Each structure stands twice: as structure tokens, then as C-alpha cells.
Amino acid sequence: MALEKGFKSYIAYGRKNGNSHSELIRIGTKFDNYTHVAKTRITDKHGLGSVGATKKFISIINEIEPDIIHLHNIHGYYLNYKLLFEYLNEIQIPIVWTLHDCWSFTGHCAYFDFVNCSKWISGCHSCPQLAAYPKSYVDNSKANFNLKSKLFAANKNLTLVPVSFWLKNLLTKSVLKNLQKKVIHNGVNLEKFKPYSDTTDIDRKFNIVNEHLILGVASVWEQRKGLQDFVKLNDLLKDRFKIMLVGLDKKQINSLPANIIGIERTESQEELAQIYSRADVFFNPTYEDNFPTTNLEAMACGTPVITYDTGGSPESITDETGFIITKGDLRLALEKIELLVNKNKIATTSKCRDNISSNYEMNKQFEKYFDLYEKILSKKVTRKKMGKKNII
């Protein structure tokens, strides 16, 4: 879409990359990644490794001379945020930063709901989540908090884009409260995630026989994603129900009760859409989350969602497309599951699909970013005269 709109597009990444029409820039190497992990574990200075890789990347930015710099997750063991922001704070290039978690305004963690911590408001110290990502054996949270606060809040060309209203509300209480903010929700590809009327192949492959299917999907089943709640829910279910979980590792699969279907990953996105379509209910018992795309994918495939009232997870759910319940209330979850499986499936499918089509279709959400780019660029006093605008 950027190319179609006359931009020249570059994508910089740390490790894995997909196919792209943009020019791709690898930041660092596997060895750099491993040493950054080690630095994090030993010193709790996550995001302060990768010195050489970041300096090289900055030199590439200078060569490109972008009109817009769009950041996503700059944590993840591949980039030095101190070097990057010392550079960004000196240049006059507009920056859009899509925030997918809370790392930007804490001294250590990406989320803090699970331990009910509010130190990020006044100043992190004595972190209760050193064992959580990014895992460390020592506590440097106070210094990390102070450094991030100083670097990030100082940039006057920075626009934050939280992907949920929940995260925007947190930002208003954080050290980044004075920066520009605009919520743009995640979107979903409606051509890939769509209802499938014939899901007999799924029943056959996973040996589902006339049972109502409750589905859970996660890219990584961390503790905060609620895996144990599925195990507990399984004990409450009657024989006519079956649970399927997608995204588990082998150890997690082996630890599941025998009657829960656990798979590492689907063979294709099409098969995942078929599984979403086969499910009667998508249950998302997440304890910490920003704005889960899995909720959108499920509804795009016509499946209603039950989720805990946590983070931005409830924001995509309407009265006609699912239920929002208290964290950990599995008996209420079972009650709502019973209600949903007894509803007219065709009517429910239509309501779910319409909700996503109207509010979270991928290209509509992308357009909001381009509107933001143009608004920012139009405010620049000095703009380079060129045929194309560069975005990195």
C-alpha cells in the first residue's frame, strides 16, 4: 500500500523476515542477538546491547534520509534504544511509534497486570517480574526507567500509536503522557480469515465427532495467556464439548489432559481459518493483553468470542459477538459457552463478520496510518522536494 501511494518503503528487522515488496534491512546477526540475550540476563540492560549493529543501522538511515520513521517493537534483543533515540532526538524526522505493549514506559516488563504493579507510574524499582520477559537475574529497573523516560519523552517529533484505548489510558498516566497519541486498532485480512461452511476435513483430521468445539489460539502460550484455565475448564465441561488449543510447544502438548486437542501450528493460514470456522466459541482467557488479533481472526471467521475483562481484549467484542467476563471465572465462562452454542450459528456468524468488516478490516486500518503520515508531513516547515517520500 505504501508503494501504491507513492512512498519508497524500507523495512528494518531483527531476526525473521517474510516476503516483501519493500527493501529489507537486517539489523545485526545471530551472534549479536545471542550476546544481547546474555547481556539482558546478566545485567537487566535489555535494549542496551547491539551497539555495533545499531550504529550500522543508523548510518543506513542517514543514507536513506527518510521522511517518516515508523517504529514498532524496538525491544527483542536486536537494537540499542539508547543509541537509536539519541540519534532520533537530534534529527528533525517525524516518528510514528506503534505500541504493542507497555515496555516503552516501564523499567523492565512488557506487561504488569498479572502482578498488579503500578510502580511504572511514579518510577520503577525492585521489579517483581524479573523472571518475565525480558528475563534477568538482577534488577536494573530503576536505571532502565529513568533512561527510557529521559530519551523517549524528550522527542518532540514523536507520535505514539497505541493499538487499544486501554493502552492509551495507561500512557496518560505514564512518563510519556505529554507526547502526541492516536489510537489505531490492529486489523485483519478478511480474504484470508473468512467463514468456511464445510469443515468436515477438520473434524476428520482431529477426530471431532458431533462435539461442540471450544478454541484457544496464541503465538506463544505464556502463563499470562491462560493455558491453565483451559485445563480447569476442561474439568467442568460435559462430554459433548471438546477443547482445541493452537500454538503450543511439545512440552505443553504432552502435559495436557488426553481429551484436549493440542497442536503446535496449523499447516496453513487457510487451515487456521477453517479451525476458527469449525469452533463454536473462541475462548481467550488472557490475563494480560493489549489488543489480541486472535479475537479479530475468530470473529472474521464467524465465531463469537468470550474473553476476560483485561487490557484491550474486550474492545473488539460487542453484545452480539460474544461476552466479557471476570478474570478466572470459569463457571461463568461455561455458562456463556452454553448460551453461545445454543444460538443460531448462521445469525451469529453474520454478526461477527459484520463487526470485523466494519471496524477492523486490515486495509481500513492501514489507511488511518497513511492519513497520519500525511497529516504529520503537512506540518513540517521544511520538506525535501522529491518524487517519492521515503518511509522506514
Foldseek 3Di string as FASTA:
>chain_A
DQVVVFAQEEDEDADDDDDDPHHYHYQDDVVQLVVLLVCCAEPVQFLQGSPVSQVVVVVVCVVQVFQEEEAEDSTDRGHRVLVVLVVLQVDDHAYEYEYFFCVLQWLHDRDDLVVPDDCSLPADDPDPPCCHPVHYPDDPSRVSNVSSLVRVLSRQRYEYEYQFVLVLVVCCRGSNNPHHYDYQHAFDALVLQAADPDLVVVCVVQVQDQAAEEEEEDLEPDVQFPPVLVQVLVVVDDPRYEYEYEQYDPVSCVPHDPRHHYDNHDPDSNNVSSVLNRHLEYEGLGSEGADDCVCLSSLSNLHAYEYEPYHRPCVLHDPLRYYYHHRPPSVVVVVRSVVSSPDDSVSSRVVSNVSNVVRRHRVVSVVVVVVVSVVSSVPDPDDDDDSGGYYD
